[in-house]
Amino acid sequence: MDSTYNLSGGFKPTMKRFADLGGPDFFPTPSWATHALIDNESFKGEIWESACGNGAMSDVLEVTGQPVVSSDLYDRGYGEAGMDFLDTARRSDNVVTNPPYNAAEGFVRSGLKAANRKFALLLRLAFLEGSNRQRTIFTDAPPSRVWVFSERITFYPAGAVQQGSGTTAYAWFVWDKDAPSNTELKWFKPGYKARYSSGT
């Protein structure tokens, strides 16, 4: 049985996000989660949203006043379709995105090459775990800052009525090429979910 559905036919919030390998279903990022990032991290120059989906994150990034470029591997009616972030020579001042669940490590490797200044990935907090990532990502290129959410993010399929609360902890992982090599652990103040309650 598909765990994203109730027996009554209604959507449930995801207990654990899974990759959208086929392309037709996806889980847009709630606007408040992106607002939390741009309220606490400054970006100069172009921002590339490289897994833009329906533009939920791109629309918020435009609040920064910086030019925003949007692309996605799949055509969801927003941005440039057919661009594979894991296999592209494109570069940008900044990269900000919410990568597919099982492509996170690849997005880190590509982001290190693609971003001239900063790149920020919305990932499960548990991404900090794992001996393989410790030996590779976190030894060779640790994030500059990890912003932990004080409130849980709930991801829903596009178009679903949003209610309830997720069970997975998330954080923004930020690589800043102008920052020292040590990693800072920071926490967002509570209240973003209520302040930006538009839903998407």
N, C-alpha and C. Protein backbone atom coordinates (compact mmCIF):
# COMPACT_ATOMS: atom_id res chain seq x y z
N MET A 1 0.85 -1.20 0.00
CA MET A 1 0.00 0.00 0.00
C MET A 1 0.88 1.24 0.00
N ASP A 2 0.47 2.24 -0.74
CA ASP A 2 1.20 3.50 -0.79
C ASP A 2 1.05 4.22 0.53
N SER A 3 2.16 4.44 1.22
CA SER A 3 2.13 5.02 2.57
C SER A 3 1.77 6.49 2.58
N THR A 4 1.64 7.12 1.39
CA THR A 4 1.28 8.54 1.38
C THR A 4 -0.23 8.73 1.37
N TYR A 5 -1.00 7.64 1.43
CA TYR A 5 -2.45 7.76 1.39
C TYR A 5 -3.09 7.16 2.63
N ASN A 6 -4.14 7.80 3.11
CA ASN A 6 -4.97 7.22 4.15
C ASN A 6 -5.92 6.21 3.53
N LEU A 7 -6.46 5.33 4.33
CA LEU A 7 -7.44 4.38 3.83
C LEU A 7 -8.68 5.08 3.30
N SER A 8 -8.95 6.27 3.82
CA SER A 8 -10.12 7.04 3.37
C SER A 8 -9.89 7.69 2.00
N GLY A 9 -8.67 7.59 1.49
CA GLY A 9 -8.38 8.18 0.20
C GLY A 9 -7.68 9.52 0.28
N GLY A 10 -7.53 10.08 1.50
CA GLY A 10 -6.89 11.37 1.65
C GLY A 10 -5.38 11.23 1.74
N PHE A 11 -4.68 12.32 1.49
CA PHE A 11 -3.23 12.30 1.59
C PHE A 11 -2.78 12.34 3.04
N LYS A 12 -1.69 11.66 3.32
CA LYS A 12 -1.02 11.77 4.61
C LYS A 12 0.29 12.52 4.39
N PRO A 13 0.77 13.26 5.39
CA PRO A 13 2.11 13.82 5.26
C PRO A 13 3.13 12.69 5.20
N THR A 14 4.22 12.91 4.52
CA THR A 14 5.20 11.86 4.36
C THR A 14 5.93 11.59 5.66
N MET A 15 6.09 10.31 5.97
CA MET A 15 6.89 9.90 7.12
C MET A 15 8.37 9.95 6.73
N LYS A 16 8.64 9.61 5.49
CA LYS A 16 10.01 9.62 4.99
C LYS A 16 9.94 9.95 3.51
N ARG A 17 10.60 10.99 3.10
CA ARG A 17 10.54 11.38 1.69
C ARG A 17 11.24 10.34 0.84
N PHE A 18 10.73 10.16 -0.37
CA PHE A 18 11.37 9.26 -1.30
C PHE A 18 11.61 10.01 -2.60
N ALA A 19 12.56 9.51 -3.38
CA ALA A 19 12.93 10.20 -4.61
C ALA A 19 11.83 10.09 -5.64
N ASP A 20 11.65 11.12 -6.41
CA ASP A 20 10.66 11.14 -7.47
C ASP A 20 11.35 10.66 -8.74
N LEU A 21 11.54 9.36 -8.84
CA LEU A 21 12.32 8.83 -9.94
C LEU A 21 11.58 8.91 -11.27
N GLY A 22 10.26 8.76 -11.23
CA GLY A 22 9.48 8.78 -12.47
C GLY A 22 9.07 10.15 -12.92
N GLY A 23 9.04 11.10 -12.03
CA GLY A 23 8.77 12.46 -12.40
C GLY A 23 7.37 12.99 -12.20
N PRO A 24 6.31 12.18 -12.16
CA PRO A 24 4.97 12.77 -12.10
C PRO A 24 4.56 13.28 -10.72
N ASP A 25 5.13 12.74 -9.66
CA ASP A 25 4.77 13.14 -8.30
C ASP A 25 5.96 13.82 -7.64
N PHE A 26 5.68 14.84 -6.87
CA PHE A 26 6.77 15.51 -6.17
C PHE A 26 6.20 16.22 -4.96
N PHE A 27 7.09 16.69 -4.08
CA PHE A 27 6.70 17.27 -2.81
C PHE A 27 7.26 18.68 -2.72
N PRO A 28 6.48 19.69 -3.10
CA PRO A 28 6.97 21.07 -3.07
C PRO A 28 7.39 21.49 -1.67
N THR A 29 8.36 22.38 -1.61
CA THR A 29 8.87 22.87 -0.33
C THR A 29 7.96 23.96 0.21
N PRO A 30 7.46 23.83 1.44
CA PRO A 30 6.64 24.90 2.02
C PRO A 30 7.40 26.23 2.02
N SER A 31 6.71 27.30 1.72
CA SER A 31 7.37 28.60 1.55
C SER A 31 8.13 29.03 2.81
N TRP A 32 7.60 28.70 3.99
CA TRP A 32 8.23 29.17 5.22
C TRP A 32 9.63 28.57 5.40
N ALA A 33 9.87 27.38 4.85
CA ALA A 33 11.18 26.76 4.99
C ALA A 33 12.23 27.52 4.19
N THR A 34 11.84 28.06 3.04
CA THR A 34 12.77 28.86 2.24
C THR A 34 12.94 30.25 2.84
N HIS A 35 11.87 30.83 3.37
CA HIS A 35 11.98 32.13 4.05
C HIS A 35 12.96 32.05 5.21
N ALA A 36 12.96 30.95 5.94
CA ALA A 36 13.89 30.80 7.06
C ALA A 36 15.33 30.91 6.57
N LEU A 37 15.61 30.32 5.42
CA LEU A 37 16.97 30.39 4.88
C LEU A 37 17.34 31.81 4.49
N ILE A 38 16.52 32.47 3.68
CA ILE A 38 16.91 33.78 3.16
C ILE A 38 16.85 34.87 4.23
N ASP A 39 16.15 34.62 5.33
CA ASP A 39 16.17 35.57 6.45
C ASP A 39 17.48 35.50 7.23
N ASN A 40 18.20 34.40 7.08
CA ASN A 40 19.40 34.20 7.88
C ASN A 40 20.68 34.06 7.07
N GLU A 41 20.57 33.90 5.77
CA GLU A 41 21.72 33.81 4.88
C GLU A 41 21.56 34.84 3.78
N SER A 42 22.59 35.63 3.52
CA SER A 42 22.54 36.60 2.43
C SER A 42 23.13 35.98 1.16
N PHE A 43 22.58 36.36 0.04
CA PHE A 43 23.05 35.86 -1.25
C PHE A 43 23.32 37.06 -2.17
N LYS A 44 24.48 37.04 -2.81
CA LYS A 44 24.84 38.08 -3.76
C LYS A 44 25.02 37.45 -5.13
N GLY A 45 24.36 38.04 -6.11
CA GLY A 45 24.46 37.50 -7.46
C GLY A 45 23.36 36.50 -7.75
N GLU A 46 23.46 35.90 -8.89
CA GLU A 46 22.44 34.96 -9.37
C GLU A 46 22.25 33.78 -8.43
N ILE A 47 21.00 33.36 -8.28
CA ILE A 47 20.66 32.16 -7.50
C ILE A 47 20.05 31.15 -8.46
N TRP A 48 20.59 29.97 -8.48
CA TRP A 48 20.08 28.90 -9.33
C TRP A 48 19.33 27.88 -8.48
N GLU A 49 18.04 27.74 -8.74
CA GLU A 49 17.24 26.68 -8.12
C GLU A 49 17.25 25.52 -9.11
N SER A 50 18.01 24.49 -8.81
CA SER A 50 18.34 23.45 -9.80
C SER A 50 17.43 22.23 -9.74
N ALA A 51 16.44 22.23 -8.86
CA ALA A 51 15.42 21.17 -8.84
C ALA A 51 14.10 21.86 -8.50
N CYS A 52 13.69 22.76 -9.40
CA CYS A 52 12.68 23.77 -9.05
C CYS A 52 11.25 23.26 -8.95
N GLY A 53 10.96 22.08 -9.47
CA GLY A 53 9.59 21.58 -9.38
C GLY A 53 8.60 22.56 -9.98
N ASN A 54 7.62 22.94 -9.17
CA ASN A 54 6.59 23.89 -9.64
C ASN A 54 6.92 25.34 -9.29
N GLY A 55 8.14 25.59 -8.86
CA GLY A 55 8.57 26.96 -8.59
C GLY A 55 8.31 27.43 -7.18
N ALA A 56 7.91 26.55 -6.27
CA ALA A 56 7.58 26.96 -4.90
C ALA A 56 8.76 27.63 -4.22
N MET A 57 9.95 27.10 -4.38
CA MET A 57 11.12 27.70 -3.76
C MET A 57 11.61 28.91 -4.55
N SER A 58 11.58 28.82 -5.86
CA SER A 58 12.03 29.93 -6.71
C SER A 58 11.25 31.20 -6.43
N ASP A 59 9.95 31.07 -6.24
CA ASP A 59 9.11 32.25 -5.98
C ASP A 59 9.56 32.97 -4.71
N VAL A 60 9.95 32.22 -3.69
CA VAL A 60 10.42 32.83 -2.44
C VAL A 60 11.80 33.44 -2.63
N LEU A 61 12.66 32.77 -3.38
CA LEU A 61 14.02 33.27 -3.58
C LEU A 61 14.02 34.63 -4.28
N GLU A 62 13.00 34.91 -5.06
CA GLU A 62 12.93 36.20 -5.74
C GLU A 62 12.79 37.36 -4.76
N VAL A 63 12.36 37.06 -3.53
CA VAL A 63 12.25 38.09 -2.49
C VAL A 63 13.62 38.70 -2.18
N THR A 64 14.69 37.97 -2.43
CA THR A 64 16.03 38.46 -2.15
C THR A 64 16.41 39.63 -3.05
N GLY A 65 15.72 39.80 -4.16
CA GLY A 65 16.07 40.84 -5.11
C GLY A 65 17.18 40.45 -6.06
N GLN A 66 17.72 39.24 -5.91
CA GLN A 66 18.75 38.73 -6.79
C GLN A 66 18.10 37.99 -7.97
N PRO A 67 18.76 37.95 -9.12
CA PRO A 67 18.19 37.19 -10.24
C PRO A 67 18.11 35.71 -9.90
N VAL A 68 17.01 35.07 -10.25
CA VAL A 68 16.78 33.66 -9.95
C VAL A 68 16.61 32.89 -11.25
N VAL A 69 17.38 31.83 -11.42
CA VAL A 69 17.28 30.93 -12.56
C VAL A 69 16.75 29.60 -12.05
N SER A 70 15.78 29.03 -12.76
CA SER A 70 15.13 27.80 -12.29
C SER A 70 15.22 26.71 -13.35
N SER A 71 15.52 25.50 -12.90
CA SER A 71 15.57 24.36 -13.82
C SER A 71 15.17 23.10 -13.08
N ASP A 72 14.85 22.07 -13.85
CA ASP A 72 14.48 20.79 -13.27
C ASP A 72 14.73 19.71 -14.31
N LEU A 73 14.99 18.51 -13.84
CA LEU A 73 15.15 17.39 -14.75
C LEU A 73 13.84 17.09 -15.47
N TYR A 74 12.73 17.28 -14.76
CA TYR A 74 11.41 16.99 -15.31
C TYR A 74 10.67 18.27 -15.67
N ASP A 75 9.73 18.16 -16.57
CA ASP A 75 8.92 19.30 -16.98
C ASP A 75 7.70 19.40 -16.07
N ARG A 76 7.72 20.36 -15.17
CA ARG A 76 6.60 20.56 -14.26
C ARG A 76 5.92 21.90 -14.53
N GLY A 77 6.19 22.46 -15.72
CA GLY A 77 5.55 23.70 -16.10
C GLY A 77 6.21 24.94 -15.54
N TYR A 78 7.43 24.79 -15.02
CA TYR A 78 8.12 25.94 -14.43
C TYR A 78 9.61 25.78 -14.71
N GLY A 79 10.25 26.87 -15.09
CA GLY A 79 11.69 26.84 -15.31
C GLY A 79 12.09 26.06 -16.54
N GLU A 80 13.39 25.81 -16.66
CA GLU A 80 13.95 25.08 -17.79
C GLU A 80 13.91 23.58 -17.51
N ALA A 81 13.20 22.85 -18.33
CA ALA A 81 13.06 21.41 -18.14
C ALA A 81 14.18 20.65 -18.84
N GLY A 82 14.48 19.46 -18.34
CA GLY A 82 15.46 18.59 -18.97
C GLY A 82 16.89 18.82 -18.56
N MET A 83 17.14 19.68 -17.58
CA MET A 83 18.52 19.92 -17.14
C MET A 83 18.85 19.03 -15.95
N ASP A 84 19.82 18.18 -16.12
CA ASP A 84 20.26 17.26 -15.08
C ASP A 84 21.37 17.93 -14.28
N PHE A 85 21.09 18.32 -13.05
CA PHE A 85 22.07 19.01 -12.22
C PHE A 85 23.29 18.14 -11.94
N LEU A 86 23.10 16.82 -11.97
CA LEU A 86 24.20 15.92 -11.68
C LEU A 86 25.15 15.77 -12.87
N ASP A 87 24.77 16.32 -14.01
CA ASP A 87 25.59 16.18 -15.21
C ASP A 87 25.49 17.46 -16.04
N THR A 88 25.98 18.56 -15.49
CA THR A 88 25.92 19.83 -16.20
C THR A 88 27.19 20.63 -15.93
N ALA A 89 27.59 21.42 -16.91
CA ALA A 89 28.75 22.29 -16.75
C ALA A 89 28.34 23.70 -16.36
N ARG A 90 27.05 23.94 -16.19
CA ARG A 90 26.57 25.28 -15.85
C ARG A 90 27.10 25.68 -14.47
N ARG A 91 27.39 26.98 -14.33
CA ARG A 91 27.80 27.52 -13.05
C ARG A 91 26.93 28.71 -12.70
N SER A 92 26.89 29.04 -11.42
CA SER A 92 26.11 30.18 -10.95
C SER A 92 26.78 30.73 -9.70
N ASP A 93 26.44 31.97 -9.34
CA ASP A 93 26.98 32.53 -8.10
C ASP A 93 26.54 31.69 -6.90
N ASN A 94 25.27 31.30 -6.91
CA ASN A 94 24.70 30.55 -5.79
C ASN A 94 23.78 29.45 -6.31
N VAL A 95 23.71 28.37 -5.57
CA VAL A 95 22.76 27.29 -5.85
C VAL A 95 21.96 27.04 -4.58
N VAL A 96 20.64 27.05 -4.70
CA VAL A 96 19.76 26.78 -3.56
C VAL A 96 18.69 25.83 -4.02
N THR A 97 18.54 24.69 -3.36
CA THR A 97 17.53 23.73 -3.80
C THR A 97 17.21 22.70 -2.73
N ASN A 98 16.15 21.97 -2.99
CA ASN A 98 15.72 20.84 -2.17
C ASN A 98 15.87 19.61 -3.05
N PRO A 99 16.98 18.87 -2.93
CA PRO A 99 17.26 17.79 -3.88
C PRO A 99 16.38 16.57 -3.66
N PRO A 100 16.23 15.73 -4.69
CA PRO A 100 15.53 14.45 -4.50
C PRO A 100 16.19 13.65 -3.39
N TYR A 101 15.40 12.90 -2.67
CA TYR A 101 15.84 12.22 -1.45
C TYR A 101 17.10 11.41 -1.64
N ASN A 102 17.14 10.57 -2.69
CA ASN A 102 18.30 9.66 -2.80
C ASN A 102 19.38 10.20 -3.73
N ALA A 103 19.31 11.48 -4.07
CA ALA A 103 20.34 12.08 -4.91
C ALA A 103 21.12 13.16 -4.15
N ALA A 104 20.96 13.21 -2.83
CA ALA A 104 21.54 14.30 -2.05
C ALA A 104 23.06 14.35 -2.17
N GLU A 105 23.73 13.20 -2.09
CA GLU A 105 25.19 13.21 -2.15
C GLU A 105 25.67 13.69 -3.51
N GLY A 106 24.99 13.30 -4.57
CA GLY A 106 25.34 13.77 -5.89
C GLY A 106 25.14 15.27 -6.03
N PHE A 107 24.09 15.80 -5.40
CA PHE A 107 23.85 17.24 -5.44
C PHE A 107 24.94 18.00 -4.70
N VAL A 108 25.47 17.42 -3.62
CA VAL A 108 26.58 18.07 -2.92
C VAL A 108 27.80 18.15 -3.84
N ARG A 109 28.14 17.05 -4.47
CA ARG A 109 29.31 17.03 -5.35
C ARG A 109 29.14 18.02 -6.51
N SER A 110 27.94 18.05 -7.10
CA SER A 110 27.70 18.97 -8.21
C SER A 110 27.66 20.41 -7.73
N GLY A 111 27.09 20.64 -6.55
CA GLY A 111 27.01 22.00 -6.02
C GLY A 111 28.36 22.60 -5.73
N LEU A 112 29.30 21.77 -5.28
CA LEU A 112 30.64 22.27 -5.01
C LEU A 112 31.30 22.81 -6.27
N LYS A 113 30.97 22.21 -7.41
CA LYS A 113 31.52 22.67 -8.69
C LYS A 113 30.71 23.80 -9.30
N ALA A 114 29.39 23.76 -9.10
CA ALA A 114 28.52 24.68 -9.82
C ALA A 114 28.40 26.05 -9.17
N ALA A 115 28.58 26.15 -7.86
CA ALA A 115 28.38 27.41 -7.15
C ALA A 115 29.69 28.15 -6.95
N ASN A 116 29.72 29.40 -7.36
CA ASN A 116 30.92 30.23 -7.18
C ASN A 116 31.02 30.79 -5.77
N ARG A 117 29.88 31.03 -5.13
CA ARG A 117 29.88 31.65 -3.80
C ARG A 117 29.28 30.73 -2.74
N LYS A 118 27.99 30.46 -2.84
CA LYS A 118 27.30 29.63 -1.85
C LYS A 118 26.43 28.61 -2.54
N PHE A 119 26.27 27.47 -1.86
CA PHE A 119 25.14 26.61 -2.23
C PHE A 119 24.53 26.04 -0.97
N ALA A 120 23.21 25.94 -1.02
CA ALA A 120 22.44 25.53 0.16
C ALA A 120 21.48 24.42 -0.24
N LEU A 121 21.50 23.33 0.51
CA LEU A 121 20.64 22.19 0.25
C LEU A 121 19.76 21.93 1.46
N LEU A 122 18.48 21.74 1.21
CA LEU A 122 17.54 21.36 2.27
C LEU A 122 17.57 19.83 2.37
N LEU A 123 18.10 19.34 3.49
CA LEU A 123 18.32 17.91 3.66
C LEU A 123 17.81 17.44 5.01
N ARG A 124 17.60 16.14 5.11
CA ARG A 124 17.30 15.56 6.42
C ARG A 124 18.47 15.82 7.35
N LEU A 125 18.18 16.11 8.61
CA LEU A 125 19.24 16.31 9.59
C LEU A 125 20.11 15.06 9.70
N ALA A 126 19.52 13.90 9.45
CA ALA A 126 20.25 12.64 9.52
C ALA A 126 21.33 12.53 8.44
N PHE A 127 21.35 13.47 7.51
CA PHE A 127 22.42 13.49 6.50
C PHE A 127 23.79 13.65 7.16
N LEU A 128 23.80 14.20 8.38
CA LEU A 128 25.05 14.33 9.13
C LEU A 128 25.65 12.99 9.51
N GLU A 129 24.83 11.94 9.51
CA GLU A 129 25.28 10.62 9.91
C GLU A 129 25.92 9.89 8.74
N GLY A 130 26.62 8.82 9.03
CA GLY A 130 27.13 7.93 8.00
C GLY A 130 28.63 7.97 7.86
N SER A 131 29.27 6.82 7.96
CA SER A 131 30.73 6.76 7.88
C SER A 131 31.23 7.12 6.49
N ASN A 132 30.49 6.77 5.45
CA ASN A 132 30.95 7.08 4.10
C ASN A 132 30.96 8.58 3.87
N ARG A 133 29.89 9.27 4.28
CA ARG A 133 29.85 10.73 4.12
C ARG A 133 30.91 11.40 5.00
N GLN A 134 31.19 10.81 6.17
CA GLN A 134 32.24 11.38 7.02
C GLN A 134 33.59 11.33 6.31
N ARG A 135 33.85 10.23 5.61
CA ARG A 135 35.14 10.07 4.94
C ARG A 135 35.24 10.93 3.68
N THR A 136 34.11 11.23 3.07
CA THR A 136 34.16 11.94 1.79
C THR A 136 33.71 13.39 1.95
N ILE A 137 32.40 13.62 1.98
CA ILE A 137 31.86 14.98 2.00
C ILE A 137 32.35 15.76 3.21
N PHE A 138 32.19 15.22 4.40
CA PHE A 138 32.44 16.00 5.61
C PHE A 138 33.91 16.13 5.96
N THR A 139 34.76 15.32 5.36
CA THR A 139 36.20 15.49 5.53
C THR A 139 36.77 16.39 4.45
N ASP A 140 36.37 16.17 3.22
CA ASP A 140 36.92 16.93 2.09
C ASP A 140 36.28 18.30 1.92
N ALA A 141 34.97 18.39 2.17
CA ALA A 141 34.26 19.65 1.93
C ALA A 141 33.09 19.78 2.91
N PRO A 142 33.38 20.03 4.18
CA PRO A 142 32.30 20.14 5.17
C PRO A 142 31.48 21.40 4.92
N PRO A 143 30.19 21.38 5.25
CA PRO A 143 29.39 22.59 5.11
C PRO A 143 29.88 23.68 6.05
N SER A 144 29.66 24.92 5.66
CA SER A 144 30.06 26.05 6.50
C SER A 144 29.10 26.21 7.68
N ARG A 145 27.82 26.03 7.38
CA ARG A 145 26.79 26.17 8.42
C ARG A 145 25.70 25.12 8.21
N VAL A 146 25.17 24.62 9.31
CA VAL A 146 24.01 23.75 9.28
C VAL A 146 22.93 24.42 10.11
N TRP A 147 21.85 24.82 9.45
CA TRP A 147 20.74 25.50 10.12
C TRP A 147 19.64 24.49 10.43
N VAL A 148 19.47 24.17 11.69
CA VAL A 148 18.49 23.18 12.11
C VAL A 148 17.14 23.85 12.36
N PHE A 149 16.09 23.25 11.85
CA PHE A 149 14.75 23.78 12.06
C PHE A 149 14.26 23.44 13.46
N SER A 150 13.70 24.45 14.13
CA SER A 150 13.07 24.22 15.44
C SER A 150 11.66 23.69 15.28
N GLU A 151 11.12 23.80 14.06
CA GLU A 151 9.78 23.30 13.74
C GLU A 151 9.91 22.26 12.64
N ARG A 152 9.06 21.25 12.67
CA ARG A 152 9.12 20.19 11.69
C ARG A 152 8.50 20.64 10.37
N ILE A 153 9.16 20.29 9.28
CA ILE A 153 8.62 20.54 7.94
C ILE A 153 7.80 19.33 7.53
N THR A 154 6.63 19.58 6.97
CA THR A 154 5.80 18.51 6.45
C THR A 154 5.73 18.66 4.94
N PHE A 155 6.12 17.62 4.22
CA PHE A 155 6.05 17.62 2.76
C PHE A 155 4.82 16.86 2.31
N TYR A 156 4.05 17.47 1.43
CA TYR A 156 2.86 16.86 0.89
C TYR A 156 2.98 16.73 -0.62
N PRO A 157 2.30 15.75 -1.21
CA PRO A 157 2.21 15.73 -2.67
C PRO A 157 1.57 17.01 -3.17
N ALA A 158 1.95 17.44 -4.36
CA ALA A 158 1.40 18.67 -4.92
C ALA A 158 -0.12 18.60 -4.98
N GLY A 159 -0.78 19.64 -4.52
CA GLY A 159 -2.23 19.73 -4.58
C GLY A 159 -2.96 19.16 -3.38
N ALA A 160 -2.24 18.52 -2.45
CA ALA A 160 -2.88 17.92 -1.29
C ALA A 160 -3.23 18.99 -0.26
N VAL A 161 -4.29 18.74 0.51
CA VAL A 161 -4.64 19.61 1.62
C VAL A 161 -3.59 19.42 2.72
N GLN A 162 -3.04 20.49 3.22
CA GLN A 162 -1.96 20.39 4.18
C GLN A 162 -2.48 20.47 5.60
N GLN A 163 -2.21 19.41 6.35
CA GLN A 163 -2.60 19.36 7.75
C GLN A 163 -1.71 18.33 8.43
N GLY A 164 -1.62 18.42 9.74
CA GLY A 164 -0.76 17.50 10.47
C GLY A 164 0.67 17.98 10.50
N SER A 165 1.54 17.13 11.00
CA SER A 165 2.95 17.50 11.16
C SER A 165 3.82 16.34 10.78
N GLY A 166 4.98 16.64 10.16
CA GLY A 166 5.91 15.61 9.77
C GLY A 166 6.67 15.05 10.95
N THR A 167 7.39 13.96 10.70
CA THR A 167 8.12 13.28 11.77
C THR A 167 9.63 13.30 11.55
N THR A 168 10.07 13.91 10.46
CA THR A 168 11.48 13.91 10.10
C THR A 168 12.09 15.29 10.32
N ALA A 169 13.26 15.33 10.93
CA ALA A 169 13.95 16.60 11.17
C ALA A 169 14.74 16.99 9.93
N TYR A 170 14.66 18.27 9.56
CA TYR A 170 15.37 18.79 8.40
C TYR A 170 16.27 19.95 8.80
N ALA A 171 17.22 20.26 7.92
CA ALA A 171 18.13 21.39 8.14
C ALA A 171 18.58 21.90 6.79
N TRP A 172 18.95 23.18 6.75
CA TRP A 172 19.62 23.74 5.58
C TRP A 172 21.12 23.56 5.77
N PHE A 173 21.76 22.90 4.82
CA PHE A 173 23.21 22.73 4.80
C PHE A 173 23.77 23.77 3.83
N VAL A 174 24.61 24.65 4.32
CA VAL A 174 25.11 25.77 3.52
C VAL A 174 26.63 25.67 3.36
N TRP A 175 27.08 25.63 2.12
CA TRP A 175 28.50 25.69 1.81
C TRP A 175 28.80 27.10 1.33
N ASP A 176 29.66 27.80 2.04
CA ASP A 176 29.99 29.19 1.76
C ASP A 176 31.49 29.26 1.46
N LYS A 177 31.83 29.56 0.22
CA LYS A 177 33.23 29.50 -0.19
C LYS A 177 34.07 30.64 0.39
N ASP A 178 33.42 31.62 1.02
CA ASP A 178 34.15 32.71 1.68
C ASP A 178 34.27 32.50 3.18
N ALA A 179 33.75 31.40 3.69
CA ALA A 179 33.75 31.15 5.13
C ALA A 179 34.90 30.23 5.52
N PRO A 180 35.28 30.22 6.80
CA PRO A 180 36.32 29.28 7.27
C PRO A 180 35.87 27.84 7.04
N SER A 181 36.81 26.91 7.13
CA SER A 181 36.51 25.52 6.81
C SER A 181 35.78 24.77 7.91
N ASN A 182 35.69 25.36 9.11
CA ASN A 182 34.97 24.68 10.19
C ASN A 182 33.46 24.84 10.01
N THR A 183 32.70 23.93 10.59
CA THR A 183 31.24 23.93 10.44
C THR A 183 30.58 24.53 11.67
N GLU A 184 29.68 25.48 11.46
CA GLU A 184 28.88 26.05 12.54
C GLU A 184 27.52 25.37 12.57
N LEU A 185 27.07 25.02 13.74
CA LEU A 185 25.73 24.46 13.93
C LEU A 185 24.84 25.54 14.51
N LYS A 186 23.76 25.87 13.79
CA LYS A 186 22.87 26.94 14.20
C LYS A 186 21.43 26.44 14.19
N TRP A 187 20.55 27.19 14.88
CA TRP A 187 19.15 26.83 14.94
C TRP A 187 18.27 28.01 14.50
N PHE A 188 17.28 27.73 13.67
CA PHE A 188 16.29 28.75 13.33
C PHE A 188 15.39 28.99 14.54
N LYS A 189 15.05 30.24 14.77
CA LYS A 189 14.09 30.54 15.83
C LYS A 189 12.72 30.03 15.43
N PRO A 190 11.91 29.56 16.38
CA PRO A 190 10.55 29.14 16.05
C PRO A 190 9.73 30.32 15.54
N GLY A 191 8.70 30.02 14.77
CA GLY A 191 7.77 31.05 14.33
C GLY A 191 7.66 31.22 12.83
N TYR A 192 8.57 30.63 12.07
CA TYR A 192 8.51 30.80 10.61
C TYR A 192 7.25 30.17 10.02
N LYS A 193 6.86 29.03 10.55
CA LYS A 193 5.67 28.36 10.02
C LYS A 193 4.44 29.24 10.17
N ALA A 194 4.30 29.91 11.31
CA ALA A 194 3.14 30.78 11.54
C ALA A 194 3.25 32.07 10.75
N ARG A 195 4.46 32.59 10.63
CA ARG A 195 4.64 33.89 9.96
C ARG A 195 4.40 33.78 8.46
N TYR A 196 4.84 32.67 7.85
CA TYR A 196 4.65 32.47 6.42
C TYR A 196 3.74 31.27 6.22
N SER A 197 2.48 31.48 6.49
CA SER A 197 1.52 30.38 6.53
C SER A 197 0.70 30.26 5.27
N SER A 198 1.28 30.66 4.13
CA SER A 198 0.54 30.57 2.87
C SER A 198 0.36 29.15 2.41
N GLY A 199 1.16 28.24 3.01
CA GLY A 199 0.95 26.84 2.72
C GLY A 199 1.96 26.25 1.76
N THR A 200 2.32 26.92 0.67
CA THR A 200 3.21 26.31 -0.30
C THR A 200 4.63 26.75 -0.04
